[in-house]
Every structure is written in C-alpha cells, then in structure tokens.
C-alpha atoms as a PDB file:
ATOM      1  CA  MET A   1      10.902 -20.481   8.216  1.00  0.00           C
ATOM      2  CA  GLU A   2       7.632 -22.589   8.913  1.00  0.00           C
ATOM      3  CA  SER A   3       7.609 -26.217  10.327  1.00  0.00           C
ATOM      4  CA  THR A   4       6.607 -28.015   7.364  1.00  0.00           C
ATOM      5  CA  GLY A   5       4.418 -30.177   9.829  1.00  0.00           C
ATOM      6  CA  THR A   6       1.264 -27.630  10.081  1.00  0.00           C
ATOM      7  CA  CYS A   7       1.038 -28.422   5.654  1.00  0.00           C
ATOM      8  CA  PRO A   8      -1.797 -30.337   6.216  1.00  0.00           C
ATOM      9  CA  ASP A   9      -3.404 -28.100   8.602  1.00  0.00           C
ATOM     10  CA  ARG A  10      -3.348 -25.192   5.858  1.00  0.00           C
ATOM     11  CA  VAL A  11      -4.220 -27.363   3.110  1.00  0.00           C
ATOM     12  CA  ILE A  12      -7.813 -27.439   4.237  1.00  0.00           C
ATOM     13  CA  SER A  13      -7.739 -24.137   5.812  1.00  0.00           C
ATOM     14  CA  ASP A  14      -6.889 -22.792   2.501  1.00  0.00           C
ATOM     15  CA  ALA A  15      -9.116 -24.993   1.211  1.00  0.00           C
ATOM     16  CA  GLY A  16     -11.720 -23.753   3.601  1.00  0.00           C
ATOM     17  CA  VAL A  17     -11.312 -19.761   2.688  1.00  0.00           C
ATOM     18  CA  GLY A  18     -11.152 -20.692  -0.918  1.00  0.00           C
ATOM     19  CA  PHE A  19     -14.705 -22.054  -0.353  1.00  0.00           C
ATOM     20  CA  ALA A  20     -15.666 -18.860   1.695  1.00  0.00           C
ATOM     21  CA  VAL A  21     -14.569 -16.305  -0.869  1.00  0.00           C
ATOM     22  CA  GLY A  22     -16.400 -18.083  -3.729  1.00  0.00           C
ATOM     23  CA  ALA A  23     -19.324 -18.346  -1.923  1.00  0.00           C
ATOM     24  CA  VAL A  24     -19.584 -15.140  -0.613  1.00  0.00           C
ATOM     25  CA  GLY A  25     -18.199 -13.401  -4.015  1.00  0.00           C
ATOM     26  CA  GLY A  26     -20.300 -15.682  -6.036  1.00  0.00           C
ATOM     27  CA  SER A  27     -23.616 -14.722  -4.207  1.00  0.00           C
ATOM     28  CA  VAL A  28     -23.205 -11.274  -4.462  1.00  0.00           C
ATOM     29  CA  TYR A  29     -21.824 -11.422  -8.086  1.00  0.00           C
ATOM     30  CA  TYR A  30     -24.845 -13.774  -9.489  1.00  0.00           C
ATOM     31  CA  PHE A  31     -27.681 -11.942  -7.438  1.00  0.00           C
ATOM     32  CA  ALA A  32     -26.690  -8.507  -8.896  1.00  0.00           C
ATOM     33  CA  LYS A  33     -26.436 -10.690 -12.030  1.00  0.00           C
ATOM     34  CA  GLY A  34     -30.026 -12.296 -11.563  1.00  0.00           C
ATOM     35  CA  LEU A  35     -31.457  -8.945 -10.461  1.00  0.00           C
ATOM     36  CA  ARG A  36     -29.982  -7.101 -13.635  1.00  0.00           C
ATOM     37  CA  ASN A  37     -31.608  -9.772 -15.773  1.00  0.00           C
ATOM     38  CA  ALA A  38     -34.708 -10.502 -14.556  1.00  0.00           C
ATOM     39  CA  PRO A  39     -38.213  -8.902 -15.476  1.00  0.00           C
ATOM     40  CA  SER A  40     -39.275  -6.003 -13.543  1.00  0.00           C
ATOM     41  CA  GLY A  41     -41.637  -7.155 -10.673  1.00  0.00           C
ATOM     42  CA  VAL A  42     -39.730 -10.663 -10.430  1.00  0.00           C
ATOM     43  CA  ARG A  43     -36.260  -9.344 -10.187  1.00  0.00           C
ATOM     44  CA  PHE A  44     -35.640 -10.406  -6.257  1.00  0.00           C
ATOM     45  CA  ALA A  45     -36.976 -13.768  -7.305  1.00  0.00           C
ATOM     46  CA  GLY A  46     -34.695 -13.418 -10.338  1.00  0.00           C
ATOM     47  CA  GLY A  47     -31.814 -12.689  -7.992  1.00  0.00           C
ATOM     48  CA  LEU A  48     -32.192 -15.763  -5.729  1.00  0.00           C
ATOM     49  CA  GLN A  49     -32.487 -18.248  -8.747  1.00  0.00           C
ATOM     50  CA  ALA A  50     -29.122 -16.781 -10.375  1.00  0.00           C
ATOM     51  CA  MET A  51     -27.816 -18.064  -6.927  1.00  0.00           C
ATOM     52  CA  CYS A  52     -28.204 -21.840  -7.704  1.00  0.00           C
ATOM     53  CA  TYR A  53     -24.952 -21.509  -9.479  1.00  0.00           C
ATOM     54  CA  VAL A  54     -23.027 -20.554  -6.190  1.00  0.00           C
ATOM     55  CA  PRO A  55     -22.123 -23.736  -4.625  1.00  0.00           C
ATOM     56  CA  ARG A  56     -20.155 -24.827  -8.248  1.00  0.00           C
ATOM     57  CA  VAL A  57     -18.355 -21.808  -8.329  1.00  0.00           C
ATOM     58  CA  ALA A  58     -17.963 -22.107  -4.305  1.00  0.00           C
ATOM     59  CA  GLY A  59     -16.305 -25.720  -5.056  1.00  0.00           C
ATOM     60  CA  SER A  60     -14.093 -24.530  -7.402  1.00  0.00           C
ATOM     61  CA  PHE A  61     -12.910 -21.846  -5.143  1.00  0.00           C
ATOM     62  CA  ALA A  62     -12.021 -24.642  -2.920  1.00  0.00           C
ATOM     63  CA  VAL A  63     -10.267 -26.735  -5.347  1.00  0.00           C
ATOM     64  CA  TRP A  64      -8.310 -24.048  -6.041  1.00  0.00           C
ATOM     65  CA  GLY A  65      -6.901 -23.240  -2.758  1.00  0.00           C
ATOM     66  CA  GLY A  66      -6.494 -26.370  -1.899  1.00  0.00           C
ATOM     67  CA  VAL A  67      -4.209 -27.454  -5.143  1.00  0.00           C
ATOM     68  CA  TYR A  68      -2.712 -23.884  -4.718  1.00  0.00           C
ATOM     69  CA  SER A  69      -1.655 -24.707  -1.002  1.00  0.00           C
ATOM     70  CA  ALA A  70      -0.827 -28.747  -1.706  1.00  0.00           C
ATOM     71  CA  CYS A  71       1.848 -27.014  -4.417  1.00  0.00           C
ATOM     72  CA  ASP A  72       2.989 -24.392  -1.842  1.00  0.00           C
ATOM     73  CA  CYS A  73       3.715 -27.336   0.749  1.00  0.00           C
ATOM     74  CA  ALA A  74       5.561 -29.446  -1.773  1.00  0.00           C
ATOM     75  CA  LEU A  75       7.868 -26.726  -2.102  1.00  0.00           C
ATOM     76  CA  VAL A  76       8.403 -25.660   0.976  1.00  0.00           C
ATOM     77  CA  HIS A  77       9.292 -29.158   1.696  1.00  0.00           C
ATOM     78  CA  VAL A  78      11.580 -29.700  -1.579  1.00  0.00           C
ATOM     79  CA  ARG A  79      13.483 -26.495  -0.986  1.00  0.00           C
ATOM     80  CA  GLN A  80      13.471 -26.486   2.886  1.00  0.00           C
ATOM     81  CA  LYS A  81      12.491 -22.374   2.872  1.00  0.00           C
ATOM     82  CA  GLU A  82      10.218 -20.781   2.962  1.00  0.00           C
ATOM     83  CA  ASP A  83      10.035 -17.680   0.496  1.00  0.00           C
ATOM     84  CA  ILE A  84       8.449 -15.368  -2.109  1.00  0.00           C
ATOM     85  CA  TRP A  85       9.641 -17.934  -4.857  1.00  0.00           C
ATOM     86  CA  ASN A  86       6.994 -20.494  -3.613  1.00  0.00           C
ATOM     87  CA  SER A  87       4.262 -18.566  -3.962  1.00  0.00           C
ATOM     88  CA  ILE A  88       5.310 -17.417  -7.556  1.00  0.00           C
ATOM     89  CA  LEU A  89       5.921 -21.161  -7.850  1.00  0.00           C
ATOM     90  CA  ALA A  90       2.822 -22.573  -6.553  1.00  0.00           C
ATOM     91  CA  GLY A  91       1.033 -20.210  -8.489  1.00  0.00           C
ATOM     92  CA  ALA A  92       2.393 -21.857 -12.041  1.00  0.00           C
ATOM     93  CA  ALA A  93       2.593 -25.039 -10.732  1.00  0.00           C
ATOM     94  CA  ALA A  94      -1.483 -24.907  -9.865  1.00  0.00           C
ATOM     95  CA  SER A  95      -2.813 -22.811 -12.962  1.00  0.00           C
ATOM     96  CA  GLY A  96      -0.496 -25.626 -14.977  1.00  0.00           C
ATOM     97  CA  ILE A  97      -2.269 -28.689 -13.518  1.00  0.00           C
ATOM     98  CA  PHE A  98      -5.955 -27.230 -14.089  1.00  0.00           C
ATOM     99  CA  SER A  99      -5.103 -26.932 -17.623  1.00  0.00           C
ATOM    100  CA  LEU A 100      -3.155 -30.621 -18.336  1.00  0.00           C
ATOM    101  CA  ARG A 101      -6.348 -32.104 -20.066  1.00  0.00           C
ATOM    102  CA  GLN A 102      -5.808 -28.991 -23.158  1.00  0.00           C
ATOM    103  CA  GLY A 103      -2.240 -30.157 -24.142  1.00  0.00           C
ATOM    104  CA  PHE A 104       1.219 -28.574 -23.071  1.00  0.00           C
ATOM    105  CA  ARG A 105       0.391 -24.829 -25.183  1.00  0.00           C
ATOM    106  CA  ALA A 106      -2.464 -23.930 -22.762  1.00  0.00           C
ATOM    107  CA  VAL A 107      -0.414 -25.748 -19.758  1.00  0.00           C
ATOM    108  CA  ALA A 108       2.764 -23.504 -20.564  1.00  0.00           C
ATOM    109  CA  LYS A 109       0.459 -20.327 -20.933  1.00  0.00           C
ATOM    110  CA  SER A 110      -1.742 -20.824 -17.544  1.00  0.00           C
ATOM    111  CA  SER A 111       1.565 -21.501 -15.817  1.00  0.00           C
ATOM    112  CA  LEU A 112       2.811 -18.347 -17.189  1.00  0.00           C
ATOM    113  CA  ASN A 113      -0.174 -16.396 -16.139  1.00  0.00           C
ATOM    114  CA  GLY A 114      -0.642 -17.727 -12.847  1.00  0.00           C
ATOM    115  CA  ALA A 115       2.985 -16.988 -11.787  1.00  0.00           C
ATOM    116  CA  ILE A 116       2.945 -13.271 -13.252  1.00  0.00           C
ATOM    117  CA  LEU A 117      -0.413 -13.459 -11.064  1.00  0.00           C
ATOM    118  CA  PHE A 118       1.267 -14.450  -7.998  1.00  0.00           C
ATOM    119  CA  ALA A 119       4.172 -12.484  -8.339  1.00  0.00           C
ATOM    120  CA  LEU A 120       1.892  -9.362  -8.560  1.00  0.00           C
ATOM    121  CA  ILE A 121      -0.031 -10.386  -5.424  1.00  0.00           C
ATOM    122  CA  SER A 122       3.111 -10.448  -3.813  1.00  0.00           C
ATOM    123  CA  GLY A 123       4.905  -7.664  -4.645  1.00  0.00           C
ATOM    124  CA  ALA A 124       1.760  -5.547  -3.750  1.00  0.00           C
ATOM    125  CA  GLY A 125       1.772  -7.362  -0.336  1.00  0.00           C
ATOM    126  CA  ILE A 126       5.678  -6.247   0.517  1.00  0.00           C
ATOM    127  CA  MET A 127       4.972  -3.065  -0.472  1.00  0.00           C
ATOM    128  CA  VAL A 128       1.867  -2.580   1.943  1.00  0.00           C
ATOM    129  CA  LYS A 129       4.185  -4.397   4.763  1.00  0.00           C
ATOM    130  CA  ASN A 130       6.783  -2.198   3.961  1.00  0.00           C
ATOM    131  CA  SER A 131       4.869   0.747   3.883  1.00  0.00           C
ATOM    132  CA  GLN A 132       2.987  -0.411   7.446  1.00  0.00           C
ATOM    133  CA  HIS A 133       6.399  -0.677   9.109  1.00  0.00           C
ATOM    134  CA  GLY A 134       7.284   2.529   7.920  1.00  0.00           C
ATOM    135  CA  THR A 135      10.915   1.603   6.107  1.00  0.00           C
ATOM    136  CA  MET A 136      10.224   4.048   3.008  1.00  0.00           C
ATOM    137  CA  SER A 137      13.582   6.614   2.926  1.00  0.00           C
ATOM    138  CA  MET A 138      12.851   9.982   3.680  1.00  0.00           C
ATOM    139  CA  PRO A 139      15.372  12.663   1.575  1.00  0.00           C
ATOM    140  CA  ALA A 140      18.110  13.853   2.784  1.00  0.00           C
ATOM    141  CA  ASP A 141      17.487  17.594   3.799  1.00  0.00           C
ATOM    142  CA  VAL A 142      14.553  16.626   5.375  1.00  0.00           C
ATOM    143  CA  PRO A 143      15.112  16.237   9.473  1.00  0.00           C
ATOM    144  CA  ALA A 144      13.571  13.771  11.202  1.00  0.00           C
ATOM    145  CA  ILE A 145      10.767  14.782  13.808  1.00  0.00           C
ATOM    146  CA  THR A 146      11.195  12.349  17.260  1.00  0.00           C
ATOM    147  CA  PRO A 147       7.686  12.110  18.805  1.00  0.00           C
ATOM    148  CA  VAL A 148       7.585  12.682  22.580  1.00  0.00           C
ATOM    149  CA  GLU A 149       6.186   9.649  24.118  1.00  0.00           C
ATOM    150  CA  THR A 150       4.432   9.944  27.144  1.00  0.00           C
ATOM    151  CA  SER A 151       3.080   6.533  27.936  1.00  0.00           C
ATOM    152  CA  SER A 152       5.341   3.384  28.766  1.00  0.00           C
ATOM    153  CA  GLY A 153       3.553   1.155  26.128  1.00  0.00           C
ATOM    154  CA  GLY A 154       5.367   3.002  23.290  1.00  0.00           C
ATOM    155  CA  GLU A 155       2.371   2.262  20.615  1.00  0.00           C
ATOM    156  CA  TRP A 156      -0.616   4.760  20.482  1.00  0.00           C
ATOM    157  CA  PHE A 157      -3.173   1.411  20.820  1.00  0.00           C
ATOM    158  CA  SER A 158      -0.865  -0.883  23.322  1.00  0.00           C
ATOM    159  CA  GLY A 159      -3.641   0.347  25.809  1.00  0.00           C
ATOM    160  CA  LEU A 160      -6.573  -1.050  24.365  1.00  0.00           C
ATOM    161  CA  PHE A 161      -4.944  -4.683  23.513  1.00  0.00           C
ATOM    162  CA  THR A 162      -2.503  -5.556  26.247  1.00  0.00           C
ATOM    163  CA  LYS A 163      -2.802  -4.825  30.093  1.00  0.00           C
ATOM    164  CA  ARG A 164      -0.973  -1.906  31.228  1.00  0.00           C
ATOM    165  CA  LYS A 165       1.655  -1.697  34.416  1.00  0.00           C
ATOM    166  CA  VAL A 166       1.265   0.542  36.967  1.00  0.00           C
ATOM    167  CA  GLU A 167       4.065   1.319  38.727  1.00  0.00           C
ATOM    168  CA  GLU A 168       3.728   1.550  42.608  1.00  0.00           C
ATOM    169  CA  GLY A 169       3.195   5.351  43.567  1.00  0.00           C
ATOM    170  CA  VAL A 170       2.044   6.412  40.293  1.00  0.00           C
ATOM    171  CA  THR A 171      -1.784   7.039  39.660  1.00  0.00           C
ATOM    172  CA  ASN A 172      -3.393   8.480  36.927  1.00  0.00           C
ATOM    173  CA  SER A 173      -4.140  11.347  39.235  1.00  0.00           C
ATOM    174  CA  SER A 174      -0.991  12.628  39.450  1.00  0.00           C
ATOM    175  CA  ILE A 175      -0.412  12.954  35.537  1.00  0.00           C
ATOM    176  CA  LYS A 176      -1.366  16.669  34.373  1.00  0.00           C
ATOM    177  CA  THR A 177      -1.714  17.854  31.422  1.00  0.00           C
ATOM    178  CA  ASP A 178       0.485  20.979  31.870  1.00  0.00           C
ATOM    179  CA  ASP A 179       3.353  18.862  32.211  1.00  0.00           C
ATOM    180  CA  THR A 180       2.376  17.118  29.183  1.00  0.00           C
ATOM    181  CA  LEU A 181       1.954  19.890  27.349  1.00  0.00           C
ATOM    182  CA  GLU A 182       5.521  21.364  28.260  1.00  0.00           C
ATOM    183  CA  THR A 183       7.351  18.211  26.889  1.00  0.00           C
ATOM    184  CA  TYR A 184       6.233  18.638  23.001  1.00  0.00           C
ATOM    185  CA  ARG A 185       9.039  20.407  21.214  1.00  0.00           C
ATOM    186  CA  GLU A 186       8.355  22.079  17.940  1.00  0.00           C
ATOM    187  CA  PRO A 187       9.434  20.426  14.599  1.00  0.00           C
ATOM    188  CA  SER A 188      12.332  23.053  13.210  1.00  0.00           C
ATOM    189  CA  ILE A 189      11.565  22.345   9.636  1.00  0.00           C
ATOM    190  CA  PRO A 190      11.946  25.560   7.426  1.00  0.00           C
ATOM    191  CA  VAL A 191       9.215  26.978   6.178  1.00  0.00           C
ATOM    192  CA  PRO A 192       9.698  27.656   2.123  1.00  0.00           C
ATOM    193  CA  PRO A 193       9.215  30.962   0.959  1.00  0.00           C
ATOM    194  CA  PHE A 194       5.876  31.836  -1.063  1.00  0.00           C
ATOM    195  CA  LYS A 195       6.523  33.884  -4.362  1.00  0.00           C
END
C-alpha cells in the first residue's frame, strides 16, 4: 500500500496530466475539425482558428483529473488500502459530482457509467500487466521450453540499462561463439502429422 502522504502531490500531478491530455488531444481534434469545416483556400487558418477551444477542453480535463484523484485519495484514506475498488469507486464519485446540478437520476446514471468505465479500464490494465509478466497458463500437454542463458544479467536488455559486473579474469574476448552454439538445446516438441 502506498502511503497516503503522497496524495496531495498525486492530485496535482493527475490534474497536470489531465491538462496535458486535454491540450494535446483537443489540439488535434479541433485542428482537424477546423480543417474539414473551413472553405478551400483557408483550411489551415480555419484549423488554427478552431483551436481556440483547446484551453477550455484542457481545463476541463484538468479539473476532472484533479477531482478523480482527490476522490481516490479520500478512498485510500478511508479504506486504509489501495486496490482496484478505489479506482472504480473514485470514477463513480467523480462522475456523480459533476452531475450534481442535474438531479439525483443524473447523478446515479453518471456514477454508474463512471464505475463501468473505470472497471473496464482497470480490467484492461490487469490483463496487460498479466500478459507482460507471462502468467498465462499453458496447456498441460505442451512441454515447457527453458531457454539457456549465456549472460549473467538474466534479462535481454539488462546490459542497456544497468552496469554489467565483470568478474576477474573474464573478458569479452574469452567468449567464443562455438561455445554458445554448443549450449543450445533443441526443444523436444512433437511435430503433428499433416494429412
């Protein structure tokens, strides 16, 4: 569980991210809309003129991100734990807050839509995280293939981001390609017959 002391910083950070997303996305959207709606000959000027709505869109995204993050931080404080339910409930609360002036039915509908949206986003995030860590189960009849590691890093790109430790007496010139090829083992996967 992350400490709740970082929540004020997280609210400001999420508001800034929301502003950036709204500014970039709104710029692309309104510029394309202005290009399409402007008469021929002044399309570029029409696209630039349509971008006058971008600050309002970016501000709306920033306010939404700040309110959502504040609701998320409040839920972390109340529930004393940080899990997927905080995200879903914070999405429902933030959506309901923005519909308060339209009555109870609008608040209930917006809260339900926000909860469903954030449940889908959180579920997609979990699926992506699980697929990146390789936790998907393999069928029982397929034998596992264990790669032979020739480096001490254990990761493919570990040498790009971390300093490699060189043992005494081992240099790059002492590594032979013949030894690397001899350590390769072909996996024993049966080839299905073709009919």
